[in-house]
Structure formats: structure tokens, C-alpha cells
Amino acid sequence: MSTTSPSLPGGTWTLGDLTVTRFGYGAMQLAGPGVMGPPADHDSALAVLREAIDLGITHIDTSDAYGPRVTNQLIREALHPYPASLHIVTKVGATRDEQGGWPPARRPEDVRRAVHDNLQALGLEVLDLVNLRLGDAQGPQPGSLTEPFETLAELQQQGLIRHLGVSNATARQVAEARAIAPIACVQNLYNLAHRQDDDLIDELAEDGIAYVPFFPLGGFTPLQSSALSTVAARLGATPMSVALAWLLHRSPNILLIPGTSSVAHLRENATGAGLPLSDAELAELDKIGRAG
């Protein structure tokens, strides 16, 4: 369900019973290099989170695996006690190793531990929304999610989670999750050049389920990047602004969570995502995905 918002581009969307701004913030980049360790500038990281709230953002995406145990602690330090309007979305299903890898952690005991770790680190009694992270660093992988997702559904029934979602998932896994419990969002790789989820986005939109693209600006080939830059130059905007604006135009159920460790960049992203795009410009940008 989409409504209008005067302060941020895209208006709002309702995740279950939670109203969030479609323009949100992803906290992943607040951790150190490789999403490991503390930020280079602790005070700057806190400033970015506080600026997000000042801009009117009510949707922050995080995970206790970021750092690990870094971004959640920063969020708590910067924002707790949280504004009533703020909704924090987190992920479980992967952990970190000493080499910076993301080994899966989807056994029932892993999922339960991760949910409690997120609750403790964020200083919450209930998590607004928990995504089950699937696949690996290469993308979605086939396989059943029944055991870990049923565990999340049990924790939801216990009152520890309000809403559920899946991340890095195939369309079949999305359908499998929905057969177990209602989901409020899907979080997958998607952008102008990576359009493999077009049909899924439209299906979810019809059912009132949000789609949250991660890494929405990366992955363009030189040719595709040139095409994007050409449109951006004509509009007097940055390629990043055009890419974000295109995502908001693509479907009303798309929610953005671009990440940054810079207050100035956060403001730039929020302004750029509101760039108006004509039908002709949208058609020209659509060719990037079809070419890919």
C-alpha cells in the first residue's frame, strides 16, 4: 500500500502493519572494510544514523552479521530509545568467519540464536521484520528453506518478530516461504542492469508485498554504465541519482536502502532519488536491462 510523503521521494509503503518510507537506509557500510570491524570514524557513523532520522527516514536495514555485531550496536548508540515511527529490519541466516566470509547459519539453533542476538544488540523486545538470508555470495541458490523459515515463523508466534521476509531468494523459495507464513518483503539483487526479478516484482506488487533491492547501483558493464551516464548527463544529474530514481519509478512496492558512511552522500542520495523521469527517459533506461 503506497501513500505520499512530502519529505522523502517515493512516499511510504506498508510492511504488514508498519508504515515505512520507501526511501530507507542500509547500515551495512557503517562497519569497517569488508563489513568487518568498527568504522574508521565512530562519530561520523553515529552522525549518519541521526541524519537519516532527521531526513524523515523510518526504514533502516541492518544485520548482526555486519561487523559482526557492529552496525546494530551503532544503531542502538545513535538512536535508542527509538522514535515510534522508526522500523528496523534485520537479517539472519549467515554469520562471519575470520577471513571475512559469510558462511550459512540456518540450522534452527542458529536462527534462534541470531534472533536473540539482534534483539539484545538493538535493545529491543520485538524485531519489526526479520529476513531469512539464503544463497551465498554468488547469489540465490536452489534448495528448501522450510526448516529455517519454520523456525522464524515459530519465533514470530512467540511474539519476538512482527513480520517475516526472505533475502537472496529464488522465486521458488519465495513461494515456499509464503506457503509457510505470510511475508512482508523480498530483498534481492536488482538494478537497471540486473532485471532477473522483473516478473517476481510485479507478482509481489499485486499481493501487496514489498521488494527491496540490495546493491541497487552496482554491476553495470562499461556499455551499460555509458548508457546510464548519457541519460544522467542530459538531465544534469549523477548516474546514481538516475539509478535510484528509476527504481522508485519501476514499481510502487520497491523500497530503497542505499548505504553510505557519509552524511553528505546520504543527503545526495535522498535528493537524487526524487529526480523526475519522463516516459521517454524511462523507456531509454529500460533498454539497459534488456541489453543485459
Protein backbone atom coordinates (compact mmCIF):
# COMPACT_ATOMS: atom_id res chain seq x y z
CA MET A 1 0.00 0.00 0.00
CA SER A 2 1.62 3.25 -1.13
CA THR A 3 0.90 6.78 0.04
CA THR A 4 2.58 10.12 -0.47
CA SER A 5 5.24 11.70 1.73
CA PRO A 6 6.21 15.37 1.47
CA SER A 7 9.72 14.94 2.90
CA LEU A 8 11.27 11.99 1.03
CA PRO A 9 10.93 10.70 -2.53
CA GLY A 10 8.61 7.80 -3.18
CA GLY A 11 6.17 8.29 -0.31
CA THR A 12 5.56 5.37 2.04
CA TRP A 13 4.74 1.68 1.95
CA THR A 14 3.03 -0.54 4.50
CA LEU A 15 5.02 -3.61 5.58
CA GLY A 16 2.29 -5.65 7.21
CA ASP A 17 1.10 -3.09 9.75
CA LEU A 18 4.30 -0.98 9.66
CA THR A 19 4.35 2.21 7.61
CA VAL A 20 7.85 2.94 6.29
CA THR A 21 9.35 5.47 3.91
CA ARG A 22 10.12 3.91 0.54
CA PHE A 23 13.46 5.68 0.71
CA GLY A 24 15.26 3.94 3.57
CA TYR A 25 18.82 3.49 4.74
CA GLY A 26 21.06 0.40 4.68
CA ALA A 27 23.53 0.32 7.58
CA MET A 28 25.95 -2.22 6.08
CA GLN A 29 28.57 0.36 5.10
CA LEU A 30 28.87 1.67 8.64
CA ALA A 31 31.12 -1.27 9.54
CA GLY A 32 34.80 -1.37 8.63
CA PRO A 33 36.34 -2.53 5.32
CA GLY A 34 34.79 -5.74 4.03
CA VAL A 35 31.93 -5.19 6.51
CA MET A 36 34.34 -6.29 9.23
CA GLY A 37 35.27 -4.47 12.41
CA PRO A 38 34.41 -0.98 13.62
CA PRO A 39 34.04 2.10 11.40
CA ALA A 40 37.09 4.25 10.71
CA ASP A 41 35.23 7.21 12.24
CA HIS A 42 32.86 6.22 15.04
CA ASP A 43 31.34 9.68 15.48
CA SER A 44 30.69 10.02 11.73
CA ALA A 45 28.85 6.70 11.73
CA LEU A 46 26.59 7.93 14.52
CA ALA A 47 26.05 11.20 12.67
CA VAL A 48 24.86 9.37 9.53
CA LEU A 49 22.26 7.42 11.51
CA ARG A 50 21.00 10.55 13.21
CA GLU A 51 20.84 12.39 9.89
CA ALA A 52 18.71 9.57 8.48
CA ILE A 53 16.15 10.21 11.21
CA ASP A 54 16.37 13.98 10.69
CA LEU A 55 15.61 13.46 6.98
CA GLY A 56 12.45 11.58 7.91
CA ILE A 57 13.66 8.05 7.08
CA THR A 58 11.66 5.44 9.00
CA HIS A 59 13.18 2.26 7.50
CA ILE A 60 16.70 1.14 8.48
CA ASP A 61 18.11 -2.17 7.25
CA THR A 62 20.78 -3.97 9.26
CA SER A 63 22.09 -7.35 10.44
CA ASP A 64 24.03 -8.54 13.46
CA ALA A 65 26.41 -10.18 10.96
CA TYR A 66 27.58 -6.73 9.83
CA GLY A 67 30.85 -6.23 11.63
CA PRO A 68 29.88 -8.67 13.09
CA ARG A 69 27.92 -7.07 15.94
CA VAL A 70 28.95 -3.57 14.83
CA THR A 71 26.12 -1.86 12.97
CA ASN A 72 23.43 -2.94 15.43
CA GLN A 73 25.46 -1.52 18.30
CA LEU A 74 25.95 1.73 16.40
CA ILE A 75 22.22 1.96 15.71
CA ARG A 76 21.45 1.47 19.37
CA GLU A 77 24.07 4.00 20.47
CA ALA A 78 22.89 6.62 17.99
CA LEU A 79 19.12 6.21 18.15
CA HIS A 80 17.94 4.37 21.28
CA PRO A 81 15.34 4.99 22.63
CA TYR A 82 13.98 4.76 19.13
CA PRO A 83 11.37 7.10 17.63
CA ALA A 84 7.97 5.43 17.45
CA SER A 85 7.97 5.93 13.68
CA LEU A 86 11.28 4.09 13.12
CA HIS A 87 11.22 0.47 11.95
CA ILE A 88 14.39 -1.61 11.89
CA VAL A 89 14.67 -4.56 9.51
CA THR A 90 17.33 -7.18 10.15
CA LYS A 91 18.56 -10.46 8.64
CA VAL A 92 19.53 -13.89 9.90
CA GLY A 93 20.86 -16.95 8.07
CA ALA A 94 24.56 -16.13 7.72
CA THR A 95 27.43 -15.43 10.07
CA ARG A 96 31.01 -14.26 9.58
CA ASP A 97 34.33 -16.09 9.67
CA GLU A 98 37.81 -14.77 10.40
CA GLN A 99 38.53 -14.47 6.67
CA GLY A 100 35.54 -12.16 6.17
CA GLY A 101 33.38 -14.84 4.55
CA TRP A 102 29.65 -15.30 5.05
CA PRO A 103 29.13 -18.98 5.98
CA PRO A 104 25.48 -20.01 6.21
CA ALA A 105 23.88 -20.33 9.65
CA ARG A 106 20.41 -21.68 9.01
CA ARG A 107 20.02 -24.54 11.45
CA PRO A 108 17.13 -23.94 13.85
CA GLU A 109 19.54 -23.25 16.71
CA ASP A 110 21.46 -20.77 14.52
CA VAL A 111 18.28 -18.91 13.61
CA ARG A 112 17.10 -18.73 17.22
CA ARG A 113 20.50 -17.51 18.40
CA ALA A 114 20.65 -14.85 15.68
CA VAL A 115 17.20 -13.51 16.52
CA HIS A 116 18.11 -13.19 20.21
CA ASP A 117 21.48 -11.62 19.30
CA ASN A 118 19.69 -8.98 17.21
CA LEU A 119 17.20 -8.29 19.98
CA GLN A 120 19.96 -7.85 22.55
CA ALA A 121 22.24 -5.75 20.36
CA LEU A 122 19.46 -3.42 19.24
CA GLY A 123 17.90 -3.16 22.69
CA LEU A 124 14.50 -4.37 21.53
CA GLU A 125 11.90 -6.77 22.88
CA VAL A 126 10.40 -7.40 19.43
CA LEU A 127 12.00 -7.20 15.99
CA ASP A 128 9.88 -5.39 13.41
CA LEU A 129 10.90 -7.55 10.47
CA VAL A 130 13.41 -10.37 10.03
CA ASN A 131 14.60 -11.54 6.62
CA LEU A 132 15.97 -15.05 6.17
CA ARG A 133 19.14 -14.72 4.10
CA LEU A 134 19.55 -17.57 1.62
CA GLY A 135 22.02 -18.47 -1.12
CA ASP A 136 25.61 -17.32 -0.91
CA ALA A 137 27.88 -14.53 -2.12
CA GLN A 138 27.29 -15.66 -5.71
CA GLY A 139 23.55 -15.11 -5.42
CA PRO A 140 20.44 -17.24 -4.80
CA GLN A 141 20.93 -21.00 -4.77
CA PRO A 142 18.30 -23.74 -5.12
CA GLY A 143 17.23 -25.63 -2.02
CA SER A 144 14.50 -25.76 0.57
CA LEU A 145 14.09 -23.04 3.20
CA THR A 146 11.43 -24.92 5.15
CA GLU A 147 13.41 -25.70 8.31
CA PRO A 148 14.89 -22.24 8.97
CA PHE A 149 11.76 -20.38 7.87
CA GLU A 150 9.52 -22.54 10.04
CA THR A 151 11.84 -21.65 12.93
CA LEU A 152 11.36 -17.94 12.19
CA ALA A 153 7.60 -18.48 12.00
CA GLU A 154 7.70 -20.13 15.44
CA LEU A 155 9.61 -17.16 16.86
CA GLN A 156 7.02 -14.86 15.29
CA GLN A 157 4.25 -16.82 17.01
CA GLN A 158 6.15 -16.41 20.28
CA GLY A 159 5.94 -12.63 19.84
CA LEU A 160 9.63 -11.99 19.14
CA ILE A 161 9.13 -10.94 15.49
CA ARG A 162 6.34 -8.91 13.91
CA HIS A 163 6.90 -9.69 10.24
CA LEU A 164 8.96 -12.05 8.08
CA GLY A 165 10.77 -11.80 4.77
CA VAL A 166 13.37 -13.55 2.64
CA SER A 167 16.60 -12.31 1.10
CA ASN A 168 18.79 -13.57 -1.77
CA ALA A 169 15.98 -15.95 -2.71
CA THR A 170 14.74 -17.63 -5.87
CA ALA A 171 11.13 -17.22 -6.96
CA ARG A 172 10.52 -20.84 -5.93
CA GLN A 173 11.88 -20.15 -2.44
CA VAL A 174 9.67 -17.07 -2.16
CA ALA A 175 6.65 -19.24 -2.96
CA GLU A 176 7.83 -21.86 -0.46
CA ALA A 177 8.13 -19.24 2.28
CA ARG A 178 4.66 -17.85 1.52
CA ALA A 179 3.20 -21.35 1.91
CA ILE A 180 4.61 -21.47 5.45
CA ALA A 181 3.77 -17.97 6.70
CA PRO A 182 2.87 -14.56 5.26
CA ILE A 183 5.87 -12.48 4.17
CA ALA A 184 6.12 -8.70 4.08
CA CYS A 185 9.11 -8.30 1.77
CA VAL A 186 11.69 -9.89 -0.51
CA GLN A 187 15.22 -8.48 -0.55
CA ASN A 188 17.23 -9.44 -3.66
CA LEU A 189 19.88 -8.13 -6.03
CA TYR A 190 18.18 -5.90 -8.60
CA ASN A 191 19.02 -2.75 -10.54
CA LEU A 192 18.84 -1.25 -14.03
CA ALA A 193 21.18 -3.90 -15.42
CA HIS A 194 20.12 -6.89 -13.32
CA ARG A 195 16.46 -7.40 -14.16
CA GLN A 196 16.04 -11.10 -13.42
CA ASP A 197 13.31 -10.42 -10.84
CA ASP A 198 11.02 -8.33 -13.05
CA ASP A 199 8.22 -10.90 -13.02
CA LEU A 200 8.61 -11.50 -9.29
CA ILE A 201 8.40 -7.78 -8.53
CA ASP A 202 5.13 -7.48 -10.43
CA GLU A 203 3.69 -10.56 -8.72
CA LEU A 204 4.62 -9.25 -5.28
CA ALA A 205 3.20 -5.80 -6.07
CA GLU A 206 -0.15 -7.34 -6.89
CA ASP A 207 -0.13 -9.06 -3.49
CA GLY A 208 0.98 -6.00 -1.51
CA ILE A 209 4.45 -7.38 -0.71
CA ALA A 210 7.48 -5.10 -0.78
CA TYR A 211 10.58 -5.73 -2.88
CA VAL A 212 13.85 -4.32 -1.54
CA PRO A 213 16.79 -4.28 -3.98
CA PHE A 214 20.22 -4.55 -2.44
CA PHE A 215 23.39 -3.25 -4.10
CA PRO A 216 20.98 -1.36 -6.38
CA LEU A 217 23.67 0.74 -8.05
CA GLY A 218 26.45 -1.74 -8.80
CA GLY A 219 27.15 -4.24 -11.50
CA PHE A 220 26.92 -2.25 -14.74
CA THR A 221 29.11 -3.23 -17.67
CA PRO A 222 31.04 -0.37 -19.30
CA LEU A 223 28.47 -0.14 -22.10
CA GLN A 224 25.56 -0.09 -19.67
CA SER A 225 27.34 2.42 -17.47
CA SER A 226 27.88 4.62 -20.51
CA ALA A 227 24.18 4.46 -21.37
CA LEU A 228 23.24 5.42 -17.83
CA SER A 229 25.80 8.23 -17.77
CA THR A 230 24.44 9.60 -21.04
CA VAL A 231 20.94 9.94 -19.61
CA ALA A 232 22.33 11.39 -16.38
CA ALA A 233 24.39 14.00 -18.23
CA ARG A 234 21.39 15.06 -20.26
CA LEU A 235 19.39 15.53 -17.04
CA GLY A 236 22.24 17.30 -15.25
CA ALA A 237 22.23 14.56 -12.59
CA THR A 238 24.57 11.86 -11.32
CA PRO A 239 24.23 8.28 -12.60
CA MET A 240 23.48 7.23 -9.01
CA SER A 241 20.55 9.64 -8.82
CA VAL A 242 19.12 8.34 -12.08
CA ALA A 243 19.51 4.71 -11.00
CA LEU A 244 17.78 5.34 -7.67
CA ALA A 245 15.00 7.38 -9.26
CA TRP A 246 14.43 4.64 -11.84
CA LEU A 247 13.97 2.08 -9.07
CA LEU A 248 11.30 4.20 -7.39
CA HIS A 249 9.54 4.60 -10.75
CA ARG A 250 9.83 0.88 -11.57
CA SER A 251 7.11 -0.26 -9.15
CA PRO A 252 5.37 1.21 -6.10
CA ASN A 253 6.37 -1.78 -3.94
CA ILE A 254 10.11 -1.16 -4.38
CA LEU A 255 11.80 0.17 -1.23
CA LEU A 256 15.31 1.61 -1.37
CA ILE A 257 18.05 1.03 1.21
CA PRO A 258 21.17 2.67 -0.30
CA GLY A 259 24.01 2.64 2.18
CA THR A 260 26.71 5.19 2.89
CA SER A 261 29.03 6.22 5.69
CA SER A 262 28.81 9.90 4.72
CA VAL A 263 26.17 12.42 5.80
CA ALA A 264 26.68 14.40 2.58
CA HIS A 265 26.24 11.27 0.46
CA LEU A 266 23.11 10.30 2.36
CA ARG A 267 21.60 13.69 1.63
CA GLU A 268 22.66 13.44 -2.01
CA ASN A 269 21.01 10.02 -2.36
CA ALA A 270 17.78 11.25 -0.77
CA THR A 271 17.63 14.23 -3.13
CA GLY A 272 18.71 12.26 -6.19
CA ALA A 273 16.11 9.53 -5.73
CA GLY A 274 13.45 12.17 -6.25
CA LEU A 275 14.69 13.03 -9.75
CA PRO A 276 11.68 13.23 -12.11
CA LEU A 277 11.95 10.95 -15.13
CA SER A 278 9.78 11.31 -18.24
CA ASP A 279 8.21 8.36 -20.04
CA ALA A 280 10.82 8.75 -22.79
CA GLU A 281 13.68 8.68 -20.28
CA LEU A 282 12.21 5.66 -18.52
CA ALA A 283 11.94 3.86 -21.86
CA GLU A 284 15.56 4.69 -22.66
CA LEU A 285 16.73 3.41 -19.29
CA ASP A 286 14.69 0.24 -19.66
CA LYS A 287 16.82 -0.66 -22.66
CA ILE A 288 19.83 -1.06 -20.35
CA GLY A 289 18.25 -4.05 -18.66
CA ARG A 290 17.06 -5.55 -21.91
CA ALA A 291 20.54 -5.21 -23.38
CA GLY A 292 21.92 -7.05 -20.33
